[in-house]
Amino acid sequence: MFWLESAIELDQHVGLSQREIHEALRLVEEHRDDIRNAWNTHFSG
């Protein structure tokens, strides 16, 4: 799970290698705005 507010931070993980964590972080950073917009759209109203 990643936190997206302020700075992107890894909250927790289960069974991921350092390589997998790094790749996940890269993808989250690359798609940060899309993820945030989807989250806000889904949970608004």
PDB file of N, CA and C in Angstrom:
ATOM      1  N   MET A   1       0.847  -1.163   0.000  1.00  0.00           N
ATOM      2  CA  MET A   1       0.000   0.000   0.000  1.00  0.00           C
ATOM      3  C   MET A   1       0.894   1.227   0.000  1.00  0.00           C
ATOM      4  N   PHE A   2       0.530   2.211  -0.815  1.00  0.00           N
ATOM      5  CA  PHE A   2       1.284   3.452  -0.881  1.00  0.00           C
ATOM      6  C   PHE A   2       0.411   4.618  -0.450  1.00  0.00           C
ATOM      7  N   TRP A   3       0.995   5.566   0.262  1.00  0.00           N
ATOM      8  CA  TRP A   3       0.350   6.842   0.556  1.00  0.00           C
ATOM      9  C   TRP A   3       0.715   7.789  -0.565  1.00  0.00           C
ATOM     10  N   LEU A   4      -0.239   8.583  -1.048  1.00  0.00           N
ATOM     11  CA  LEU A   4      -0.006   9.479  -2.173  1.00  0.00           C
ATOM     12  C   LEU A   4       0.051  10.940  -1.770  1.00  0.00           C
ATOM     13  N   GLU A   5      -0.350  11.276  -0.579  1.00  0.00           N
ATOM     14  CA  GLU A   5      -0.367  12.667  -0.151  1.00  0.00           C
ATOM     15  C   GLU A   5       1.003  13.085   0.368  1.00  0.00           C
ATOM     16  N   SER A   6       1.316  14.332   0.165  1.00  0.00           N
ATOM     17  CA  SER A   6       2.620  14.919   0.491  1.00  0.00           C
ATOM     18  C   SER A   6       3.695  14.234  -0.346  1.00  0.00           C
ATOM     19  N   ALA A   7       4.246  13.150   0.160  1.00  0.00           N
ATOM     20  CA  ALA A   7       5.242  12.375  -0.584  1.00  0.00           C
ATOM     21  C   ALA A   7       4.732  10.952  -0.713  1.00  0.00           C
ATOM     22  N   ILE A   8       5.109  10.283  -1.776  1.00  0.00           N
ATOM     23  CA  ILE A   8       4.719   8.893  -1.946  1.00  0.00           C
ATOM     24  C   ILE A   8       5.542   8.043  -0.994  1.00  0.00           C
ATOM     25  N   GLU A   9       4.859   7.271  -0.155  1.00  0.00           N
ATOM     26  CA  GLU A   9       5.545   6.439   0.823  1.00  0.00           C
ATOM     27  C   GLU A   9       4.927   5.057   0.844  1.00  0.00           C
ATOM     28  N   LEU A  10       5.764   4.055   0.995  1.00  0.00           N
ATOM     29  CA  LEU A  10       5.296   2.692   1.152  1.00  0.00           C
ATOM     30  C   LEU A  10       4.836   2.505   2.584  1.00  0.00           C
ATOM     31  N   ASP A  11       3.587   2.104   2.762  1.00  0.00           N
ATOM     32  CA  ASP A  11       3.042   1.888   4.099  1.00  0.00           C
ATOM     33  C   ASP A  11       3.344   0.471   4.573  1.00  0.00           C
ATOM     34  N   GLN A  12       3.070  -0.506   3.730  1.00  0.00           N
ATOM     35  CA  GLN A  12       3.333  -1.890   4.101  1.00  0.00           C
ATOM     36  C   GLN A  12       3.403  -2.747   2.848  1.00  0.00           C
ATOM     37  N   HIS A  13       4.011  -3.898   2.977  1.00  0.00           N
ATOM     38  CA  HIS A  13       4.037  -4.862   1.888  1.00  0.00           C
ATOM     39  C   HIS A  13       4.184  -6.253   2.479  1.00  0.00           C
ATOM     40  N   VAL A  14       3.735  -7.215   1.710  1.00  0.00           N
ATOM     41  CA  VAL A  14       3.842  -8.603   2.153  1.00  0.00           C
ATOM     42  C   VAL A  14       4.445  -9.412   1.010  1.00  0.00           C
ATOM     43  N   GLY A  15       5.621  -9.933   1.234  1.00  0.00           N
ATOM     44  CA  GLY A  15       6.219 -10.858   0.294  1.00  0.00           C
ATOM     45  C   GLY A  15       6.801 -10.271  -0.973  1.00  0.00           C
ATOM     46  N   LEU A  16       6.999  -8.971  -1.028  1.00  0.00           N
ATOM     47  CA  LEU A  16       7.586  -8.364  -2.220  1.00  0.00           C
ATOM     48  C   LEU A  16       9.103  -8.241  -2.055  1.00  0.00           C
ATOM     49  N   SER A  17       9.811  -8.485  -3.134  1.00  0.00           N
ATOM     50  CA  SER A  17      11.259  -8.295  -3.114  1.00  0.00           C
ATOM     51  C   SER A  17      11.559  -6.799  -3.246  1.00  0.00           C
ATOM     52  N   GLN A  18      12.793  -6.420  -2.951  1.00  0.00           N
ATOM     53  CA  GLN A  18      13.193  -5.016  -3.110  1.00  0.00           C
ATOM     54  C   GLN A  18      12.997  -4.567  -4.561  1.00  0.00           C
ATOM     55  N   ARG A  19      13.278  -5.438  -5.502  1.00  0.00           N
ATOM     56  CA  ARG A  19      13.096  -5.117  -6.925  1.00  0.00           C
ATOM     57  C   ARG A  19      11.618  -4.849  -7.231  1.00  0.00           C
ATOM     58  N   GLU A  20      10.726  -5.666  -6.700  1.00  0.00           N
ATOM     59  CA  GLU A  20       9.293  -5.479  -6.921  1.00  0.00           C
ATOM     60  C   GLU A  20       8.792  -4.196  -6.264  1.00  0.00           C
ATOM     61  N   ILE A  21       9.288  -3.907  -5.074  1.00  0.00           N
ATOM     62  CA  ILE A  21       8.917  -2.661  -4.389  1.00  0.00           C
ATOM     63  C   ILE A  21       9.366  -1.460  -5.206  1.00  0.00           C
ATOM     64  N   HIS A  22      10.588  -1.499  -5.706  1.00  0.00           N
ATOM     65  CA  HIS A  22      11.112  -0.399  -6.510  1.00  0.00           C
ATOM     66  C   HIS A  22      10.265  -0.200  -7.773  1.00  0.00           C
ATOM     67  N   GLU A  23       9.893  -1.283  -8.431  1.00  0.00           N
ATOM     68  CA  GLU A  23       9.078  -1.197  -9.641  1.00  0.00           C
ATOM     69  C   GLU A  23       7.691  -0.650  -9.334  1.00  0.00           C
ATOM     70  N   ALA A  24       7.093  -1.099  -8.232  1.00  0.00           N
ATOM     71  CA  ALA A  24       5.784  -0.595  -7.829  1.00  0.00           C
ATOM     72  C   ALA A  24       5.853   0.897  -7.528  1.00  0.00           C
ATOM     73  N   LEU A  25       6.879   1.320  -6.826  1.00  0.00           N
ATOM     74  CA  LEU A  25       7.051   2.743  -6.519  1.00  0.00           C
ATOM     75  C   LEU A  25       7.204   3.557  -7.795  1.00  0.00           C
ATOM     76  N   ARG A  26       7.965   3.055  -8.754  1.00  0.00           N
ATOM     77  CA  ARG A  26       8.142   3.753 -10.020  1.00  0.00           C
ATOM     78  C   ARG A  26       6.803   3.917 -10.734  1.00  0.00           C
ATOM     79  N   LEU A  27       5.992   2.864 -10.744  1.00  0.00           N
ATOM     80  CA  LEU A  27       4.689   2.923 -11.406  1.00  0.00           C
ATOM     81  C   LEU A  27       3.737   3.891 -10.700  1.00  0.00           C
ATOM     82  N   VAL A  28       3.741   3.861  -9.365  1.00  0.00           N
ATOM     83  CA  VAL A  28       2.886   4.780  -8.610  1.00  0.00           C
ATOM     84  C   VAL A  28       3.295   6.222  -8.882  1.00  0.00           C
ATOM     85  N   GLU A  29       4.596   6.500  -8.880  1.00  0.00           N
ATOM     86  CA  GLU A  29       5.069   7.859  -9.167  1.00  0.00           C
ATOM     87  C   GLU A  29       4.671   8.286 -10.577  1.00  0.00           C
ATOM     88  N   GLU A  30       4.802   7.383 -11.527  1.00  0.00           N
ATOM     89  CA  GLU A  30       4.484   7.685 -12.924  1.00  0.00           C
ATOM     90  C   GLU A  30       2.996   7.980 -13.118  1.00  0.00           C
ATOM     91  N   HIS A  31       2.148   7.324 -12.348  1.00  0.00           N
ATOM     92  CA  HIS A  31       0.693   7.441 -12.527  1.00  0.00           C
ATOM     93  C   HIS A  31       0.002   8.117 -11.340  1.00  0.00           C
ATOM     94  N   ARG A  32       0.745   8.853 -10.566  1.00  0.00           N
ATOM     95  CA  ARG A  32       0.226   9.475  -9.345  1.00  0.00           C
ATOM     96  C   ARG A  32      -1.053  10.267  -9.577  1.00  0.00           C
ATOM     97  N   ASP A  33      -1.066  11.144 -10.569  1.00  0.00           N
ATOM     98  CA  ASP A  33      -2.247  11.979 -10.817  1.00  0.00           C
ATOM     99  C   ASP A  33      -3.447  11.146 -11.250  1.00  0.00           C
ATOM    100  N   ASP A  34      -3.228  10.150 -12.094  1.00  0.00           N
ATOM    101  CA  ASP A  34      -4.318   9.275 -12.531  1.00  0.00           C
ATOM    102  C   ASP A  34      -4.904   8.506 -11.348  1.00  0.00           C
ATOM    103  N   ILE A  35      -4.045   8.005 -10.478  1.00  0.00           N
ATOM    104  CA  ILE A  35      -4.505   7.256  -9.304  1.00  0.00           C
ATOM    105  C   ILE A  35      -5.307   8.172  -8.389  1.00  0.00           C
ATOM    106  N   ARG A  36      -4.792   9.354  -8.128  1.00  0.00           N
ATOM    107  CA  ARG A  36      -5.482  10.306  -7.236  1.00  0.00           C
ATOM    108  C   ARG A  36      -6.831  10.708  -7.823  1.00  0.00           C
ATOM    109  N   ASN A  37      -6.874  10.985  -9.127  1.00  0.00           N
ATOM    110  CA  ASN A  37      -8.134  11.375  -9.769  1.00  0.00           C
ATOM    111  C   ASN A  37      -9.156  10.236  -9.711  1.00  0.00           C
ATOM    112  N   ALA A  38      -8.721   9.012  -9.964  1.00  0.00           N
ATOM    113  CA  ALA A  38      -9.627   7.860  -9.899  1.00  0.00           C
ATOM    114  C   ALA A  38     -10.156   7.676  -8.474  1.00  0.00           C
ATOM    115  N   TRP A  39      -9.287   7.831  -7.484  1.00  0.00           N
ATOM    116  CA  TRP A  39      -9.681   7.707  -6.081  1.00  0.00           C
ATOM    117  C   TRP A  39     -10.748   8.759  -5.735  1.00  0.00           C
ATOM    118  N   ASN A  40     -10.471  10.011  -6.100  1.00  0.00           N
ATOM    119  CA  ASN A  40     -11.400  11.093  -5.794  1.00  0.00           C
ATOM    120  C   ASN A  40     -12.741  10.916  -6.503  1.00  0.00           C
ATOM    121  N   THR A  41     -12.702  10.466  -7.749  1.00  0.00           N
ATOM    122  CA  THR A  41     -13.930  10.218  -8.497  1.00  0.00           C
ATOM    123  C   THR A  41     -14.749   9.104  -7.851  1.00  0.00           C
ATOM    124  N   HIS A  42     -14.078   8.046  -7.482  1.00  0.00           N
ATOM    125  CA  HIS A  42     -14.765   6.887  -6.891  1.00  0.00           C
ATOM    126  C   HIS A  42     -15.398   7.222  -5.546  1.00  0.00           C
ATOM    127  N   PHE A  43     -14.700   8.000  -4.714  1.00  0.00           N
ATOM    128  CA  PHE A  43     -15.177   8.248  -3.366  1.00  0.00           C
ATOM    129  C   PHE A  43     -15.883   9.585  -3.186  1.00  0.00           C
ATOM    130  N   SER A  44     -16.093  10.330  -4.253  1.00  0.00           N
ATOM    131  CA  SER A  44     -16.821  11.598  -4.099  1.00  0.00           C
ATOM    132  C   SER A  44     -18.325  11.328  -4.058  1.00  0.00           C
ATOM    133  N   GLY A  45     -18.996  12.057  -3.193  1.00  0.00           N
ATOM    134  CA  GLY A  45     -20.445  12.000  -3.131  1.00  0.00           C
ATOM    135  C   GLY A  45     -20.964  10.780  -2.556  1.00  0.00           C
TER     136      GLY A  45
END
